[in-house]
Structures are given as structure tokens and as C-alpha cells.
């Protein structure tokens, strides 16, 4: 599939992961050498959850260096939109794993601050290693497309050509024999090469 929603929800194949995986950011990314979580959209390392009589939560301040490939900044509204779409449409697979039922709410306290509410004290397996690694989708692109749809099947049928990248690579051409990607100019790391995937 070329639809990122479907890739995470129902088509988590290695082939889809190679091509689509590098096109979306998360709050954190796993360093391949040390397996330590590093900030991607977040502005700093994961913080510990806090508690008061209303429950458990974490607040994540976002960095300002990462942009979608169309130049729009990744904001808290994108994180909230992704969570609410997953819940509203009952998405399964990797989406349900990233946003399990223990996550009660995701709130944008400002364009650069997200609050995540939990129904119980989150262990490391829940925070930051699930929701912290959840892909973030661009609300300004997908919200008009998903407005009015009421099922995962309808979401997976949407045209993926409207999508933009927030990861290190942006898909620029898909043909019968190859998929071409270039470095996303909004991704802060330098030195990421263009990649061409040949289809046999």
C-alpha cells in the first residue's frame, strides 16, 4: 500500500516499512546503535509521568526544528489529530498498539505542548515506548480528507498522494518499476541520501 494509515493498521510488511516508515515522525526515535530514545518531534528527552487527584499524565514540549515537507511545522495539533482519528475510527494493528485503551486523552495545551492523560500509572512499556514512538500524521493534510468518513476501510481507500512527509525522506515518484524518494528539507538532520527502491 501507499497509504500510511493502512500500512500501520493492516499492512505492516517489511516492504511497506522500507518505503513508508521514513516518511513520518514520532515524539521520539530509537537510536539504532544504543537503542536509547532520542527526541524527534519532542524538544527533550522523555519526562516522568506526574500524578494528582485527577490522574496520571505527561506533558511533552515539542521542538521547533522539524517541518512537514510542505514547510508547515509539526505541532501538537498533529499529535492530537492522529490520536483522535485512531480512536474515532477504531483503527487496529499498530495504531491500537501505539494508543492502547490506557491512554484516555491527548490534548494540545499550545502549538508546542502536548498533554497525554492515562487511566493508570504508565510503565515504561506504555510511556514512552508506545505512544512516544507512535507515528504522527499531518492534520492540515488529512483532516479535510477524513472529515465525514466513519470506518477504517474508508480511511484506507483514500488517495495517499495528498500526503506529505515529516520524516527524513519524502516520496516524490511512484511508477511500476521504482519508487523515488528525496531528503525532506524540513527534517533537521543533514546528510540523508536520496533513495530509489526498485520493484521486481
N, C-alpha and C. Protein backbone atom coordinates (compact mmCIF):
# COMPACT_ATOMS: atom_id res chain seq x y z
N UNK A 1 0.83 -1.19 0.00
CA UNK A 1 0.00 0.00 0.00
C UNK A 1 0.88 1.25 0.00
N UNK A 2 0.33 2.33 -0.53
CA UNK A 2 0.98 3.63 -0.43
C UNK A 2 0.30 4.52 0.62
N UNK A 3 -0.74 3.98 1.26
CA UNK A 3 -1.49 4.71 2.27
C UNK A 3 -0.87 4.44 3.64
N UNK A 4 -0.29 5.46 4.26
CA UNK A 4 0.41 5.26 5.53
C UNK A 4 -0.52 4.75 6.63
N UNK A 5 -1.75 5.23 6.65
CA UNK A 5 -2.72 4.75 7.63
C UNK A 5 -2.87 3.22 7.54
N UNK A 6 -3.02 2.74 6.31
CA UNK A 6 -3.21 1.31 6.10
C UNK A 6 -1.95 0.52 6.42
N UNK A 7 -0.80 1.08 6.08
CA UNK A 7 0.47 0.42 6.40
C UNK A 7 0.56 0.11 7.89
N UNK A 8 0.30 1.08 8.76
CA UNK A 8 0.39 0.86 10.20
C UNK A 8 -0.75 -0.03 10.69
N UNK A 9 -1.93 0.16 10.11
CA UNK A 9 -3.10 -0.55 10.61
C UNK A 9 -3.21 -1.99 10.15
N UNK A 10 -2.96 -2.25 8.86
CA UNK A 10 -3.23 -3.59 8.34
C UNK A 10 -2.15 -4.16 7.43
N UNK A 11 -1.17 -3.34 7.03
CA UNK A 11 -0.17 -3.82 6.08
C UNK A 11 1.26 -3.54 6.60
N UNK A 12 1.62 -4.05 7.79
CA UNK A 12 2.94 -3.75 8.36
C UNK A 12 4.04 -4.65 7.79
N UNK A 13 4.08 -4.77 6.47
CA UNK A 13 5.09 -5.63 5.85
C UNK A 13 6.45 -4.93 5.84
N UNK A 14 7.49 -5.71 5.70
CA UNK A 14 8.83 -5.14 5.62
C UNK A 14 8.94 -4.20 4.44
N UNK A 15 8.29 -4.57 3.32
CA UNK A 15 8.39 -3.74 2.11
C UNK A 15 7.76 -2.38 2.33
N UNK A 16 6.58 -2.35 2.96
CA UNK A 16 5.95 -1.07 3.26
C UNK A 16 6.76 -0.28 4.27
N UNK A 17 7.38 -0.99 5.21
CA UNK A 17 8.19 -0.31 6.23
C UNK A 17 9.40 0.38 5.60
N UNK A 18 10.04 -0.28 4.64
CA UNK A 18 11.20 0.33 3.98
C UNK A 18 10.84 1.67 3.34
N UNK A 19 9.71 1.68 2.64
CA UNK A 19 9.35 2.86 1.85
C UNK A 19 8.62 3.91 2.69
N UNK A 20 7.61 3.48 3.45
CA UNK A 20 6.76 4.42 4.15
C UNK A 20 7.29 4.80 5.54
N UNK A 21 7.98 3.90 6.19
CA UNK A 21 8.47 4.16 7.54
C UNK A 21 9.21 5.48 7.69
N UNK A 22 10.14 5.81 6.79
CA UNK A 22 10.91 7.06 6.95
C UNK A 22 10.15 8.33 6.58
N UNK A 23 8.84 8.26 6.35
CA UNK A 23 8.11 9.46 5.94
C UNK A 23 7.31 10.09 7.07
N UNK A 24 7.30 9.50 8.26
CA UNK A 24 6.53 10.08 9.37
C UNK A 24 7.39 10.14 10.63
N UNK A 25 7.23 11.23 11.39
CA UNK A 25 7.97 11.35 12.64
C UNK A 25 7.17 10.82 13.82
N UNK A 26 7.81 10.77 14.96
CA UNK A 26 7.17 10.45 16.23
C UNK A 26 7.74 11.40 17.28
N UNK A 27 7.20 11.37 18.48
CA UNK A 27 7.78 12.20 19.52
C UNK A 27 9.24 11.84 19.74
N UNK A 28 9.54 10.53 19.69
CA UNK A 28 10.90 10.05 19.89
C UNK A 28 11.26 9.02 18.83
N UNK A 29 12.54 8.83 18.65
CA UNK A 29 13.06 7.81 17.74
C UNK A 29 14.07 6.97 18.50
N UNK A 30 14.22 5.72 18.09
CA UNK A 30 15.17 4.82 18.74
C UNK A 30 16.51 4.94 18.04
N UNK A 31 17.55 5.26 18.80
CA UNK A 31 18.90 5.29 18.23
C UNK A 31 19.31 3.87 17.89
N UNK A 32 19.64 3.57 16.64
CA UNK A 32 19.93 2.18 16.26
C UNK A 32 21.17 1.60 16.91
N UNK A 33 22.10 2.44 17.32
CA UNK A 33 23.33 1.94 17.93
C UNK A 33 23.16 1.63 19.41
N UNK A 34 22.45 2.51 20.13
CA UNK A 34 22.34 2.36 21.59
C UNK A 34 20.98 1.89 22.07
N UNK A 35 19.97 1.89 21.17
CA UNK A 35 18.58 1.56 21.50
C UNK A 35 17.97 2.54 22.50
N UNK A 36 18.57 3.70 22.66
CA UNK A 36 18.06 4.74 23.55
C UNK A 36 17.10 5.63 22.76
N UNK A 37 16.03 6.09 23.45
CA UNK A 37 15.10 7.01 22.80
C UNK A 37 15.72 8.40 22.70
N UNK A 38 15.63 8.97 21.51
CA UNK A 38 16.12 10.33 21.29
C UNK A 38 14.98 11.20 20.81
N UNK A 39 14.98 12.48 21.16
CA UNK A 39 13.90 13.37 20.70
C UNK A 39 13.86 13.46 19.18
N UNK A 40 12.65 13.38 18.63
CA UNK A 40 12.44 13.63 17.21
C UNK A 40 11.55 14.86 17.08
N UNK A 41 10.24 14.72 17.35
CA UNK A 41 9.37 15.89 17.41
C UNK A 41 9.47 16.54 18.80
N UNK A 42 9.64 15.74 19.84
CA UNK A 42 9.79 16.28 21.19
C UNK A 42 11.04 17.15 21.26
N UNK A 43 11.01 18.10 22.18
CA UNK A 43 12.13 19.01 22.31
C UNK A 43 13.21 18.54 23.26
N UNK A 44 12.92 17.48 24.04
CA UNK A 44 13.89 16.98 25.00
C UNK A 44 13.61 15.51 25.29
N UNK A 45 14.45 14.91 26.13
CA UNK A 45 14.30 13.50 26.49
C UNK A 45 12.96 13.27 27.21
N UNK A 46 12.46 12.03 27.22
CA UNK A 46 11.18 11.75 27.88
C UNK A 46 11.18 12.17 29.34
N UNK A 47 10.07 12.74 29.78
CA UNK A 47 9.89 13.15 31.17
C UNK A 47 9.08 12.09 31.89
N UNK A 48 9.19 12.06 33.22
CA UNK A 48 8.43 11.11 34.02
C UNK A 48 6.98 11.56 34.14
N UNK A 49 6.04 10.63 34.23
CA UNK A 49 4.64 10.99 34.44
C UNK A 49 4.46 11.66 35.80
N UNK A 50 3.46 12.51 35.89
CA UNK A 50 3.10 13.13 37.17
C UNK A 50 1.68 12.73 37.54
N UNK A 51 1.35 12.90 38.82
CA UNK A 51 0.03 12.48 39.31
C UNK A 51 -0.57 13.57 40.17
N UNK A 52 -1.88 13.74 40.06
CA UNK A 52 -2.65 14.45 41.07
C UNK A 52 -3.98 13.73 41.21
N UNK A 53 -4.92 14.30 41.93
CA UNK A 53 -6.17 13.57 42.19
C UNK A 53 -6.98 13.31 40.93
N UNK A 54 -6.64 13.99 39.83
CA UNK A 54 -7.35 13.76 38.57
C UNK A 54 -6.73 12.64 37.74
N UNK A 55 -5.55 12.15 38.15
CA UNK A 55 -4.95 11.04 37.43
C UNK A 55 -3.51 11.27 37.02
N UNK A 56 -3.03 10.39 36.12
CA UNK A 56 -1.65 10.41 35.64
C UNK A 56 -1.56 11.07 34.28
N UNK A 57 -0.44 11.78 34.05
CA UNK A 57 -0.26 12.46 32.77
C UNK A 57 1.21 12.75 32.53
N UNK A 58 1.51 13.02 31.27
CA UNK A 58 2.81 13.58 30.92
C UNK A 58 2.58 14.80 30.05
N UNK A 59 3.46 15.76 30.16
CA UNK A 59 3.46 16.93 29.28
C UNK A 59 4.75 16.91 28.47
N UNK A 60 4.59 17.04 27.17
CA UNK A 60 5.74 16.99 26.27
C UNK A 60 5.82 18.31 25.52
N UNK A 61 6.94 19.01 25.70
CA UNK A 61 7.20 20.21 24.92
C UNK A 61 7.84 19.81 23.60
N UNK A 62 7.32 20.33 22.52
CA UNK A 62 7.81 19.97 21.20
C UNK A 62 8.92 20.90 20.76
N UNK A 63 9.83 20.36 19.96
CA UNK A 63 10.85 21.19 19.35
C UNK A 63 10.26 21.99 18.20
N UNK A 64 11.03 22.88 17.65
CA UNK A 64 10.54 23.73 16.56
C UNK A 64 11.35 23.55 15.28
N UNK A 65 12.23 22.54 15.25
CA UNK A 65 13.12 22.37 14.10
C UNK A 65 12.52 21.52 12.99
N UNK A 66 11.52 20.70 13.30
CA UNK A 66 11.03 19.72 12.33
C UNK A 66 9.78 20.22 11.62
N UNK A 67 9.78 20.12 10.30
CA UNK A 67 8.63 20.56 9.50
C UNK A 67 8.20 19.45 8.55
N UNK A 68 6.93 19.51 8.15
CA UNK A 68 6.45 18.65 7.06
C UNK A 68 7.13 19.09 5.78
N UNK A 69 7.12 18.23 4.81
CA UNK A 69 7.83 18.52 3.56
C UNK A 69 7.21 19.68 2.77
N UNK A 70 6.01 20.11 3.15
CA UNK A 70 5.41 21.28 2.50
C UNK A 70 5.73 22.58 3.25
N UNK A 71 6.58 22.48 4.28
CA UNK A 71 7.02 23.67 5.00
C UNK A 71 6.26 23.98 6.28
N UNK A 72 5.14 23.29 6.53
CA UNK A 72 4.37 23.53 7.76
C UNK A 72 5.05 22.84 8.94
N UNK A 73 5.09 23.52 10.10
CA UNK A 73 5.70 22.92 11.28
C UNK A 73 4.84 21.77 11.81
N UNK A 74 5.49 20.77 12.37
CA UNK A 74 4.79 19.71 13.09
C UNK A 74 4.40 20.29 14.45
N UNK A 75 3.11 20.21 14.79
CA UNK A 75 2.62 20.83 16.02
C UNK A 75 1.85 19.84 16.87
N UNK A 76 1.46 20.32 18.04
CA UNK A 76 0.65 19.50 18.94
C UNK A 76 -0.67 19.10 18.31
N UNK A 77 -1.20 19.94 17.43
CA UNK A 77 -2.47 19.62 16.76
C UNK A 77 -2.34 18.36 15.91
N UNK A 78 -1.17 18.11 15.34
CA UNK A 78 -0.96 16.89 14.56
C UNK A 78 -1.01 15.65 15.45
N UNK A 79 -0.41 15.75 16.64
CA UNK A 79 -0.41 14.63 17.59
C UNK A 79 -1.85 14.34 18.02
N UNK A 80 -2.59 15.38 18.36
CA UNK A 80 -3.98 15.21 18.80
C UNK A 80 -4.83 14.63 17.68
N UNK A 81 -4.69 15.16 16.48
CA UNK A 81 -5.47 14.66 15.34
C UNK A 81 -5.21 13.18 15.11
N UNK A 82 -3.95 12.76 15.18
CA UNK A 82 -3.63 11.35 14.95
C UNK A 82 -4.32 10.48 15.97
N UNK A 83 -4.18 10.82 17.25
CA UNK A 83 -4.82 10.05 18.33
C UNK A 83 -6.33 9.99 18.15
N UNK A 84 -6.95 11.15 17.89
CA UNK A 84 -8.41 11.18 17.80
C UNK A 84 -8.92 10.41 16.59
N UNK A 85 -8.17 10.40 15.49
CA UNK A 85 -8.57 9.63 14.31
C UNK A 85 -8.48 8.14 14.59
N UNK A 86 -7.42 7.73 15.25
CA UNK A 86 -7.27 6.32 15.62
C UNK A 86 -8.45 5.87 16.48
N UNK A 87 -8.81 6.66 17.48
CA UNK A 87 -9.90 6.29 18.37
C UNK A 87 -11.26 6.38 17.68
N UNK A 88 -11.48 7.44 16.92
CA UNK A 88 -12.80 7.64 16.30
C UNK A 88 -13.12 6.54 15.30
N UNK A 89 -12.12 6.08 14.56
CA UNK A 89 -12.35 5.07 13.54
C UNK A 89 -12.04 3.65 14.03
N UNK A 90 -11.61 3.53 15.29
CA UNK A 90 -11.33 2.21 15.84
C UNK A 90 -10.23 1.47 15.09
N UNK A 91 -9.14 2.19 14.77
CA UNK A 91 -8.07 1.58 13.99
C UNK A 91 -7.36 0.50 14.81
N UNK A 92 -7.02 -0.58 14.13
CA UNK A 92 -6.40 -1.72 14.79
C UNK A 92 -4.91 -1.79 14.43
N UNK A 93 -4.31 -2.94 14.68
CA UNK A 93 -2.91 -3.16 14.32
C UNK A 93 -1.98 -2.26 15.10
N UNK A 94 -1.00 -1.69 14.40
CA UNK A 94 -0.02 -0.84 15.04
C UNK A 94 -0.59 0.41 15.67
N UNK A 95 -1.71 0.90 15.13
CA UNK A 95 -2.34 2.08 15.72
C UNK A 95 -2.90 1.77 17.10
N UNK A 96 -3.58 0.64 17.23
CA UNK A 96 -4.13 0.26 18.54
C UNK A 96 -3.01 -0.02 19.53
N UNK A 97 -1.90 -0.56 19.06
CA UNK A 97 -0.77 -0.83 19.93
C UNK A 97 -0.13 0.47 20.41
N UNK A 98 -0.05 1.47 19.54
CA UNK A 98 0.56 2.75 19.90
C UNK A 98 -0.32 3.55 20.85
N UNK A 99 -1.63 3.42 20.68
CA UNK A 99 -2.56 4.17 21.51
C UNK A 99 -3.51 3.21 22.23
N UNK A 100 -3.02 2.45 23.21
CA UNK A 100 -3.88 1.49 23.92
C UNK A 100 -4.93 2.19 24.76
N UNK A 101 -5.86 1.41 25.29
CA UNK A 101 -7.01 1.99 26.00
C UNK A 101 -6.61 2.75 27.26
N UNK A 102 -5.41 2.48 27.79
CA UNK A 102 -4.96 3.21 28.99
C UNK A 102 -4.71 4.69 28.71
N UNK A 103 -4.61 5.06 27.45
CA UNK A 103 -4.48 6.48 27.10
C UNK A 103 -5.89 7.04 26.96
N UNK A 104 -6.25 7.93 27.86
CA UNK A 104 -7.60 8.45 27.89
C UNK A 104 -7.80 9.65 26.98
N UNK A 105 -6.76 10.48 26.86
CA UNK A 105 -6.93 11.72 26.12
C UNK A 105 -5.56 12.27 25.74
N UNK A 106 -5.51 12.93 24.59
CA UNK A 106 -4.33 13.68 24.17
C UNK A 106 -4.79 15.10 23.89
N UNK A 107 -4.17 16.08 24.54
CA UNK A 107 -4.62 17.46 24.50
C UNK A 107 -3.48 18.36 24.03
N UNK A 108 -3.79 19.30 23.15
CA UNK A 108 -2.83 20.32 22.75
C UNK A 108 -2.99 21.50 23.69
N UNK A 109 -2.07 21.67 24.62
CA UNK A 109 -2.14 22.81 25.53
C UNK A 109 -1.65 24.09 24.86
N UNK A 110 -0.84 23.93 23.82
CA UNK A 110 -0.39 25.03 22.98
C UNK A 110 0.12 24.41 21.69
N UNK A 111 0.50 25.17 20.69
CA UNK A 111 1.05 24.56 19.48
C UNK A 111 2.29 23.73 19.72
N UNK A 112 2.99 23.97 20.83
CA UNK A 112 4.24 23.25 21.09
C UNK A 112 4.21 22.47 22.39
N UNK A 113 3.04 22.19 22.92
CA UNK A 113 2.95 21.37 24.14
C UNK A 113 1.78 20.41 24.06
N UNK A 114 2.06 19.13 24.32
CA UNK A 114 1.06 18.07 24.31
C UNK A 114 0.92 17.52 25.73
N UNK A 115 -0.32 17.28 26.14
CA UNK A 115 -0.59 16.60 27.42
C UNK A 115 -1.25 15.27 27.12
N UNK A 116 -0.69 14.19 27.67
CA UNK A 116 -1.23 12.85 27.47
C UNK A 116 -1.76 12.35 28.80
N UNK A 117 -3.04 12.01 28.86
CA UNK A 117 -3.70 11.56 30.08
C UNK A 117 -3.83 10.04 30.08
N UNK A 118 -3.50 9.43 31.22
CA UNK A 118 -3.54 7.97 31.36
C UNK A 118 -4.56 7.57 32.42
N UNK A 119 -5.15 6.39 32.23
CA UNK A 119 -6.12 5.89 33.21
C UNK A 119 -5.44 5.24 34.41
N UNK A 120 -4.15 4.96 34.30
CA UNK A 120 -3.38 4.39 35.41
C UNK A 120 -1.93 4.83 35.26
N UNK A 121 -1.14 4.55 36.28
CA UNK A 121 0.27 4.92 36.20
C UNK A 121 0.92 4.17 35.04
N UNK A 122 1.50 4.90 34.08
CA UNK A 122 2.08 4.21 32.92
C UNK A 122 3.48 3.69 33.21
N UNK A 123 3.70 2.40 32.92
CA UNK A 123 5.04 1.84 32.99
C UNK A 123 5.81 2.22 31.73
N UNK A 124 7.09 1.85 31.69
CA UNK A 124 7.92 2.22 30.55
C UNK A 124 7.42 1.61 29.24
N UNK A 125 6.75 0.46 29.34
CA UNK A 125 6.23 -0.15 28.12
C UNK A 125 5.13 0.67 27.48
N UNK A 126 4.45 1.50 28.29
CA UNK A 126 3.38 2.37 27.78
C UNK A 126 3.92 3.76 27.47
N UNK A 127 4.63 4.33 28.42
CA UNK A 127 5.27 5.63 28.22
C UNK A 127 6.73 5.51 28.63
N UNK A 128 7.64 5.85 27.75
CA UNK A 128 7.41 6.46 26.43
C UNK A 128 7.44 5.48 25.26
N UNK A 129 7.53 4.16 25.52
CA UNK A 129 7.85 3.24 24.44
C UNK A 129 6.68 2.84 23.54
N UNK A 130 5.49 3.31 23.80
CA UNK A 130 4.39 3.05 22.86
C UNK A 130 3.92 4.36 22.25
N UNK A 131 3.25 5.19 23.03
CA UNK A 131 2.76 6.45 22.47
C UNK A 131 3.92 7.36 22.06
N UNK A 132 5.04 7.26 22.73
CA UNK A 132 6.18 8.09 22.36
C UNK A 132 6.78 7.75 21.02
N UNK A 133 6.55 6.51 20.57
CA UNK A 133 7.05 6.06 19.27
C UNK A 133 5.95 6.00 18.21
N UNK A 134 4.75 6.47 18.55
CA UNK A 134 3.63 6.42 17.62
C UNK A 134 3.83 7.40 16.46
N UNK A 135 3.57 6.97 15.22
CA UNK A 135 3.69 7.90 14.09
C UNK A 135 2.72 9.07 14.24
N UNK A 136 3.15 10.22 13.75
CA UNK A 136 2.33 11.43 13.78
C UNK A 136 1.94 11.77 12.34
N UNK A 137 0.64 12.02 12.12
CA UNK A 137 0.13 12.33 10.80
C UNK A 137 -0.15 13.82 10.68
N UNK A 138 -0.02 14.39 9.47
CA UNK A 138 -0.24 15.83 9.28
C UNK A 138 -1.71 16.19 9.25
N UNK A 139 -2.17 16.87 10.29
CA UNK A 139 -3.59 17.21 10.40
C UNK A 139 -4.04 18.12 9.26
N UNK A 140 -3.21 19.06 8.85
CA UNK A 140 -3.64 20.03 7.84
C UNK A 140 -3.88 19.37 6.48
N UNK A 141 -3.28 18.20 6.28
CA UNK A 141 -3.48 17.46 5.03
C UNK A 141 -4.63 16.47 5.16
N UNK A 142 -4.66 15.71 6.26
CA UNK A 142 -5.59 14.59 6.35
C UNK A 142 -6.95 14.93 6.94
N UNK A 143 -7.02 15.96 7.80
CA UNK A 143 -8.31 16.27 8.42
C UNK A 143 -9.41 16.55 7.38
N UNK A 144 -9.14 17.33 6.32
CA UNK A 144 -10.19 17.52 5.32
C UNK A 144 -10.57 16.23 4.60
N UNK A 145 -9.62 15.30 4.48
CA UNK A 145 -9.89 14.03 3.80
C UNK A 145 -10.70 13.08 4.68
N UNK A 146 -10.45 13.11 5.99
CA UNK A 146 -11.10 12.16 6.89
C UNK A 146 -12.40 12.69 7.48
N UNK A 147 -12.68 13.96 7.28
CA UNK A 147 -13.92 14.52 7.78
C UNK A 147 -15.11 13.83 7.10
N UNK A 148 -15.94 13.22 7.91
CA UNK A 148 -17.14 12.57 7.36
C UNK A 148 -17.00 11.08 7.13
N UNK A 149 -15.78 10.53 7.12
CA UNK A 149 -15.67 9.08 6.97
C UNK A 149 -15.87 8.42 8.32
N UNK A 150 -16.35 7.17 8.33
CA UNK A 150 -16.71 6.55 9.59
C UNK A 150 -16.17 5.13 9.75
N UNK A 151 -15.15 4.77 8.98
CA UNK A 151 -14.61 3.42 9.11
C UNK A 151 -13.15 3.38 8.69
N UNK A 152 -12.46 2.39 9.21
CA UNK A 152 -11.07 2.19 8.81
C UNK A 152 -10.98 1.87 7.32
N UNK A 153 -11.93 1.09 6.81
CA UNK A 153 -11.91 0.72 5.40
C UNK A 153 -11.97 1.95 4.51
N UNK A 154 -12.81 2.92 4.88
CA UNK A 154 -12.91 4.15 4.09
C UNK A 154 -11.62 4.95 4.17
N UNK A 155 -10.97 4.95 5.34
CA UNK A 155 -9.70 5.65 5.50
C UNK A 155 -8.63 5.05 4.61
N UNK A 156 -8.60 3.73 4.56
CA UNK A 156 -7.56 3.04 3.79
C UNK A 156 -7.77 3.17 2.28
N UNK A 157 -8.95 3.58 1.87
CA UNK A 157 -9.22 3.78 0.45
C UNK A 157 -8.89 5.19 -0.04
N UNK A 158 -8.54 6.09 0.89
CA UNK A 158 -8.25 7.47 0.50
C UNK A 158 -6.97 7.54 -0.32
N UNK A 159 -6.89 8.55 -1.18
CA UNK A 159 -5.76 8.73 -2.08
C UNK A 159 -4.53 9.17 -1.29
N UNK A 160 -3.47 8.36 -1.26
CA UNK A 160 -2.28 8.73 -0.48
C UNK A 160 -1.45 9.83 -1.11
N UNK A 161 -1.76 10.23 -2.33
CA UNK A 161 -0.96 11.26 -2.99
C UNK A 161 -1.09 12.63 -2.33
N UNK A 162 -2.11 12.81 -1.47
CA UNK A 162 -2.24 14.08 -0.77
C UNK A 162 -1.23 14.19 0.37
N UNK A 163 -0.63 13.09 0.77
CA UNK A 163 0.20 13.05 1.96
C UNK A 163 1.49 13.84 1.81
N UNK A 164 2.06 14.24 2.95
CA UNK A 164 3.36 14.89 2.99
C UNK A 164 4.23 14.15 3.99
N UNK A 165 5.52 14.38 3.92
CA UNK A 165 6.46 13.69 4.80
C UNK A 165 6.85 14.57 5.98
N UNK A 166 7.03 13.93 7.14
CA UNK A 166 7.60 14.60 8.30
C UNK A 166 8.82 13.87 8.79
N UNK A 167 9.19 12.80 8.09
CA UNK A 167 10.38 12.04 8.44
C UNK A 167 11.55 12.46 7.58
N UNK A 168 12.60 11.69 7.59
CA UNK A 168 13.79 12.08 6.83
C UNK A 168 13.65 11.99 5.33
N UNK A 169 12.69 11.18 4.83
CA UNK A 169 12.55 11.01 3.39
C UNK A 169 11.15 11.37 2.91
N UNK A 170 11.08 11.90 1.70
CA UNK A 170 9.81 12.26 1.06
C UNK A 170 9.68 11.49 -0.25
N UNK A 171 8.55 10.84 -0.46
CA UNK A 171 8.29 10.12 -1.72
C UNK A 171 7.95 11.14 -2.80
N UNK A 172 8.65 11.08 -3.92
CA UNK A 172 8.41 12.04 -5.00
C UNK A 172 7.90 11.40 -6.28
N UNK A 173 8.09 10.07 -6.44
CA UNK A 173 7.62 9.42 -7.67
C UNK A 173 7.37 7.94 -7.41
N UNK A 174 6.25 7.46 -7.90
CA UNK A 174 5.93 6.04 -7.83
C UNK A 174 5.55 5.58 -9.23
N UNK A 175 6.28 4.60 -9.74
CA UNK A 175 5.97 4.01 -11.05
C UNK A 175 5.86 2.51 -10.86
N UNK A 176 5.61 1.79 -11.96
CA UNK A 176 5.50 0.33 -11.89
C UNK A 176 6.83 -0.33 -11.52
N UNK A 177 7.94 0.35 -11.79
CA UNK A 177 9.24 -0.29 -11.58
C UNK A 177 10.10 0.34 -10.50
N UNK A 178 9.69 1.52 -9.98
CA UNK A 178 10.54 2.16 -8.97
C UNK A 178 9.76 3.16 -8.13
N UNK A 179 10.27 3.37 -6.94
CA UNK A 179 9.77 4.41 -6.04
C UNK A 179 10.96 5.29 -5.70
N UNK A 180 10.83 6.59 -5.94
CA UNK A 180 11.93 7.52 -5.71
C UNK A 180 11.62 8.41 -4.52
N UNK A 181 12.61 8.59 -3.65
CA UNK A 181 12.46 9.47 -2.50
C UNK A 181 13.63 10.44 -2.46
N UNK A 182 13.39 11.58 -1.84
CA UNK A 182 14.43 12.58 -1.63
C UNK A 182 14.42 12.97 -0.15
N UNK A 183 15.47 13.64 0.27
CA UNK A 183 15.55 14.12 1.64
C UNK A 183 14.46 15.16 1.90
N UNK A 184 13.76 15.04 3.01
CA UNK A 184 12.77 16.02 3.41
C UNK A 184 13.50 17.28 3.88
N UNK A 185 13.30 18.41 3.22
CA UNK A 185 14.01 19.62 3.62
C UNK A 185 13.64 20.12 5.01
N UNK A 186 12.51 19.64 5.54
CA UNK A 186 12.09 20.07 6.87
C UNK A 186 12.63 19.22 7.99
N UNK A 187 13.37 18.16 7.64
CA UNK A 187 13.92 17.28 8.68
C UNK A 187 15.30 17.80 9.07
N UNK A 188 15.57 17.97 10.37
CA UNK A 188 16.77 18.70 10.77
C UNK A 188 18.10 17.99 10.57
N UNK A 189 18.13 16.70 10.32
CA UNK A 189 19.41 16.01 10.16
C UNK A 189 19.96 16.24 8.76
N UNK A 190 21.27 16.41 8.68
CA UNK A 190 21.94 16.59 7.40
C UNK A 190 22.48 15.26 6.90
N UNK A 191 22.74 15.21 5.62
CA UNK A 191 23.44 14.07 5.06
C UNK A 191 22.59 12.87 4.74
N UNK A 192 21.25 13.00 4.75
CA UNK A 192 20.39 11.87 4.43
C UNK A 192 20.32 11.76 2.90
N UNK A 193 20.67 10.61 2.34
CA UNK A 193 20.72 10.50 0.88
C UNK A 193 19.32 10.30 0.29
N UNK A 194 19.22 10.62 -1.00
CA UNK A 194 18.03 10.22 -1.75
C UNK A 194 18.06 8.70 -1.88
N UNK A 195 16.88 8.09 -1.95
CA UNK A 195 16.79 6.63 -2.04
C UNK A 195 15.86 6.26 -3.18
N UNK A 196 16.27 5.28 -3.99
CA UNK A 196 15.43 4.73 -5.04
C UNK A 196 15.20 3.27 -4.74
N UNK A 197 13.93 2.86 -4.70
CA UNK A 197 13.55 1.46 -4.47
C UNK A 197 13.13 0.87 -5.81
N UNK A 198 13.80 -0.17 -6.24
CA UNK A 198 13.43 -0.85 -7.48
C UNK A 198 12.40 -1.93 -7.16
N UNK A 199 11.39 -2.03 -8.01
CA UNK A 199 10.32 -3.01 -7.82
C UNK A 199 10.49 -4.12 -8.84
N UNK A 200 10.60 -5.36 -8.36
CA UNK A 200 10.79 -6.51 -9.27
C UNK A 200 9.54 -7.34 -9.28
